[in-house]
């Protein structure tokens, strides 16, 4: 019979860590998606040459490992800017920009997937640029970009495990604390994986539902 020293309070502790993971993910994905939408539209509209500085900055966030970004950002805020920001604030700022860098590429690809003939037809009907984007481009681009965005959101949720380096006690950090105290690494890591599965499943299922529904429209 499997025996464990895990108590109900320990499970509550893990649940709080999972709650922090969800909160960090929601903030980061929400802010990052808005920024990514803006950056993606700008890149398409102004052209490759004028968007080169923005593209370079986004490439930095996509190329440098997230762990290094978190450590450098935390040091920069504290040592250079002399700001007393919480680890949660720093983590959300970095993850938001990290999300925006990937989301901008998703948005750019979605917009460019809309046939140019469709856009020209919209403009020939007297639509303004804003109307073209709102009623033609974004609805069509969303269908193309949604699967990639769902994957990005799930990836950010898992990558949020790295925010422990800026003293944020999320799910994985909570698990590590319990491992140190209880000395049951295999069982606790399996439990941690189960928590991640439970909080990730609704988003994955919702994305699948939307894809299936749109495929029949």
Protein backbone atom coordinates (compact mmCIF):
# COMPACT_ATOMS: atom_id res chain seq x y z
CA UNK A 1 0.00 0.00 0.00
CA UNK A 2 1.45 3.37 -1.02
CA UNK A 3 2.05 5.61 1.97
CA UNK A 4 2.64 9.35 1.91
CA UNK A 5 3.10 12.12 4.44
CA UNK A 6 1.13 14.54 2.24
CA UNK A 7 -1.66 16.28 4.17
CA UNK A 8 -4.75 18.26 3.20
CA UNK A 9 -2.88 21.48 4.01
CA UNK A 10 -0.15 20.45 1.57
CA UNK A 11 -2.76 19.95 -1.15
CA UNK A 12 -4.15 23.41 -0.39
CA UNK A 13 -0.61 24.77 -0.65
CA UNK A 14 -0.24 23.17 -4.09
CA UNK A 15 -3.65 24.50 -5.13
CA UNK A 16 -2.54 28.02 -4.18
CA UNK A 17 0.57 27.52 -6.30
CA UNK A 18 -1.65 26.41 -9.19
CA UNK A 19 -3.77 29.51 -8.65
CA UNK A 20 -0.68 31.68 -8.93
CA UNK A 21 0.29 29.88 -12.14
CA UNK A 22 -3.15 30.59 -13.60
CA UNK A 23 -3.01 34.24 -12.51
CA UNK A 24 0.44 34.83 -14.01
CA UNK A 25 -0.64 33.11 -17.23
CA UNK A 26 -3.87 35.09 -17.53
CA UNK A 27 -2.14 38.42 -17.01
CA UNK A 28 0.78 37.63 -19.30
CA UNK A 29 -1.26 36.13 -22.13
CA UNK A 30 -3.87 38.92 -22.00
CA UNK A 31 -1.33 41.76 -22.08
CA UNK A 32 0.94 39.90 -24.49
CA UNK A 33 -1.91 39.19 -26.91
CA UNK A 34 -2.94 42.85 -27.04
CA UNK A 35 0.66 43.93 -27.61
CA UNK A 36 1.24 41.13 -30.11
CA UNK A 37 -1.84 42.16 -32.08
CA UNK A 38 -0.57 45.74 -32.21
CA UNK A 39 2.98 44.73 -33.15
CA UNK A 40 1.78 42.25 -35.78
CA UNK A 41 -0.45 44.80 -37.50
CA UNK A 42 2.33 47.40 -37.44
CA UNK A 43 4.80 44.99 -39.01
CA UNK A 44 2.41 44.18 -41.85
CA UNK A 45 1.35 47.78 -42.49
CA UNK A 46 4.65 49.68 -42.38
CA UNK A 47 6.73 47.12 -44.28
CA UNK A 48 9.88 45.19 -43.46
CA UNK A 49 12.31 48.15 -43.61
CA UNK A 50 10.40 50.52 -41.33
CA UNK A 51 9.51 47.68 -38.96
CA UNK A 52 13.14 46.49 -38.71
CA UNK A 53 13.79 47.98 -35.22
CA UNK A 54 10.59 46.42 -33.86
CA UNK A 55 11.38 43.11 -35.55
CA UNK A 56 14.86 43.12 -33.98
CA UNK A 57 13.44 43.69 -30.49
CA UNK A 58 10.88 40.92 -30.94
CA UNK A 59 13.59 38.58 -32.21
CA UNK A 60 15.54 39.24 -29.00
CA UNK A 61 12.65 38.10 -26.83
CA UNK A 62 12.14 35.01 -28.99
CA UNK A 63 15.84 34.09 -29.11
CA UNK A 64 17.01 34.62 -25.52
CA UNK A 65 15.92 31.87 -23.09
CA UNK A 66 13.13 33.00 -20.79
CA UNK A 67 15.12 32.11 -17.68
CA UNK A 68 17.88 34.54 -18.67
CA UNK A 69 15.30 37.24 -19.47
CA UNK A 70 13.77 36.91 -16.02
CA UNK A 71 17.11 37.09 -14.22
CA UNK A 72 18.36 40.05 -16.26
CA UNK A 73 15.07 41.94 -15.94
CA UNK A 74 14.98 41.44 -12.19
CA UNK A 75 18.58 42.67 -11.86
CA UNK A 76 17.98 45.63 -14.20
CA UNK A 77 14.89 46.79 -12.34
CA UNK A 78 16.54 46.54 -8.93
CA UNK A 79 20.14 47.58 -9.60
CA UNK A 80 19.85 49.99 -12.53
CA UNK A 81 16.38 51.51 -12.27
CA UNK A 82 16.38 51.28 -8.45
CA UNK A 83 12.72 50.30 -8.44
CA UNK A 84 11.17 48.14 -5.74
CA UNK A 85 8.95 45.98 -7.92
CA UNK A 86 7.59 42.67 -6.69
CA UNK A 87 8.71 39.45 -8.28
CA UNK A 88 5.18 38.96 -9.58
CA UNK A 89 5.28 42.31 -11.40
CA UNK A 90 8.65 41.58 -12.98
CA UNK A 91 7.52 38.09 -13.99
CA UNK A 92 4.35 39.38 -15.64
CA UNK A 93 6.23 42.14 -17.48
CA UNK A 94 8.78 39.73 -18.92
CA UNK A 95 6.23 37.03 -19.76
CA UNK A 96 3.95 39.61 -21.40
CA UNK A 97 6.73 40.81 -23.71
CA UNK A 98 7.80 37.22 -24.32
CA UNK A 99 4.21 36.36 -25.29
CA UNK A 100 3.89 39.49 -27.44
CA UNK A 101 7.01 38.56 -29.41
CA UNK A 102 5.54 35.22 -30.44
CA UNK A 103 1.98 36.51 -30.80
CA UNK A 104 3.17 39.23 -33.22
CA UNK A 105 4.44 36.52 -35.58
CA UNK A 106 1.16 34.62 -35.26
CA UNK A 107 -0.81 37.78 -36.07
CA UNK A 108 1.46 38.65 -38.99
CA UNK A 109 1.08 35.18 -40.45
CA UNK A 110 -2.69 35.27 -39.99
CA UNK A 111 -3.05 38.63 -41.72
CA UNK A 112 -0.82 37.62 -44.61
CA UNK A 113 -2.89 34.44 -45.04
CA UNK A 114 -5.91 36.55 -46.02
CA UNK A 115 -5.98 36.66 -49.86
CA UNK A 116 -5.00 40.03 -51.25
CA UNK A 117 -7.89 39.80 -53.73
CA UNK A 118 -10.33 39.68 -50.82
CA UNK A 119 -8.82 42.83 -49.32
CA UNK A 120 -8.84 44.63 -52.66
CA UNK A 121 -12.50 43.71 -53.13
CA UNK A 122 -13.31 45.15 -49.71
CA UNK A 123 -11.55 48.41 -50.49
CA UNK A 124 -13.24 48.62 -53.89
CA UNK A 125 -16.59 48.50 -52.08
CA UNK A 126 -15.65 51.68 -50.27
CA UNK A 127 -14.46 50.19 -46.98
CA UNK A 128 -11.88 52.16 -45.05
CA UNK A 129 -8.70 50.55 -43.77
CA UNK A 130 -10.22 50.20 -40.29
CA UNK A 131 -13.37 48.60 -41.68
CA UNK A 132 -11.32 46.25 -43.84
CA UNK A 133 -9.31 45.15 -40.80
CA UNK A 134 -12.36 44.81 -38.53
CA UNK A 135 -14.82 43.06 -40.82
CA UNK A 136 -12.62 41.21 -43.30
CA UNK A 137 -9.04 40.66 -42.17
CA UNK A 138 -9.32 39.98 -38.44
CA UNK A 139 -12.22 37.46 -38.65
CA UNK A 140 -10.41 35.46 -41.35
CA UNK A 141 -6.98 35.82 -39.74
CA UNK A 142 -8.33 34.70 -36.37
CA UNK A 143 -9.33 31.33 -37.81
CA UNK A 144 -5.83 30.83 -39.15
CA UNK A 145 -4.05 32.10 -36.03
CA UNK A 146 -6.18 30.48 -33.31
CA UNK A 147 -4.46 27.05 -33.18
CA UNK A 148 -1.04 28.70 -32.87
CA UNK A 149 -2.34 31.11 -30.23
CA UNK A 150 -3.78 28.24 -28.18
CA UNK A 151 -0.40 26.51 -28.35
CA UNK A 152 1.31 29.75 -27.30
CA UNK A 153 -1.00 30.21 -24.31
CA UNK A 154 -0.40 26.63 -23.16
CA UNK A 155 3.34 27.13 -23.64
CA UNK A 156 3.31 30.29 -21.53
CA UNK A 157 1.47 28.43 -18.78
CA UNK A 158 4.24 25.82 -18.68
CA UNK A 159 7.00 28.42 -19.05
CA UNK A 160 5.58 30.26 -16.03
CA UNK A 161 7.29 27.56 -13.95
CA UNK A 162 10.50 29.58 -14.44
CA UNK A 163 9.23 32.61 -12.51
CA UNK A 164 10.51 31.00 -9.30
CA UNK A 165 13.83 32.75 -10.04
CA UNK A 166 12.18 36.10 -9.19
CA UNK A 167 10.68 34.71 -5.98
CA UNK A 168 7.19 33.88 -7.22
CA UNK A 169 5.77 30.77 -5.57
CA UNK A 170 3.83 29.15 -8.40
CA UNK A 171 2.94 25.50 -8.84
CA UNK A 172 6.39 24.05 -9.52
CA UNK A 173 8.02 26.12 -6.75
CA UNK A 174 5.33 24.94 -4.32
CA UNK A 175 6.09 21.36 -5.38
CA UNK A 176 9.83 21.87 -4.81
CA UNK A 177 9.15 23.20 -1.32
CA UNK A 178 7.11 20.12 -0.48
CA UNK A 179 9.75 17.82 -1.97
CA UNK A 180 12.37 19.36 0.30
CA UNK A 181 10.15 18.81 3.35
CA UNK A 182 8.53 15.46 2.57
CA UNK A 183 11.29 13.79 0.50
CA UNK A 184 8.78 12.24 -1.91
CA UNK A 185 9.95 13.61 -5.28
CA UNK A 186 8.32 11.10 -7.66
CA UNK A 187 4.88 11.26 -6.09
CA UNK A 188 4.90 15.05 -5.76
CA UNK A 189 6.11 15.62 -9.31
CA UNK A 190 3.36 13.32 -10.59
CA UNK A 191 0.88 15.32 -8.54
CA UNK A 192 2.32 18.55 -9.96
CA UNK A 193 1.92 17.19 -13.48
CA UNK A 194 -1.69 16.29 -12.70
CA UNK A 195 -2.34 19.88 -11.58
CA UNK A 196 -0.84 21.22 -14.81
CA UNK A 197 -3.00 18.82 -16.82
CA UNK A 198 -6.17 19.90 -15.04
CA UNK A 199 -5.56 23.63 -15.50
CA UNK A 200 -4.43 23.25 -19.13
CA UNK A 201 -7.20 20.94 -20.34
CA UNK A 202 -10.05 23.52 -20.46
CA UNK A 203 -8.06 25.86 -22.72
CA UNK A 204 -7.02 23.03 -25.04
CA UNK A 205 -10.58 21.72 -25.24
CA UNK A 206 -12.00 25.21 -25.87
CA UNK A 207 -9.55 25.72 -28.72
CA UNK A 208 -10.52 22.38 -30.22
CA UNK A 209 -14.21 23.27 -29.94
CA UNK A 210 -13.72 26.59 -31.76
CA UNK A 211 -11.67 24.96 -34.53
CA UNK A 212 -14.31 22.30 -35.09
CA UNK A 213 -17.14 24.83 -35.05
CA UNK A 214 -15.43 27.21 -37.47
CA UNK A 215 -14.51 24.39 -39.83
CA UNK A 216 -18.22 23.85 -40.51
CA UNK A 217 -19.10 27.53 -40.99
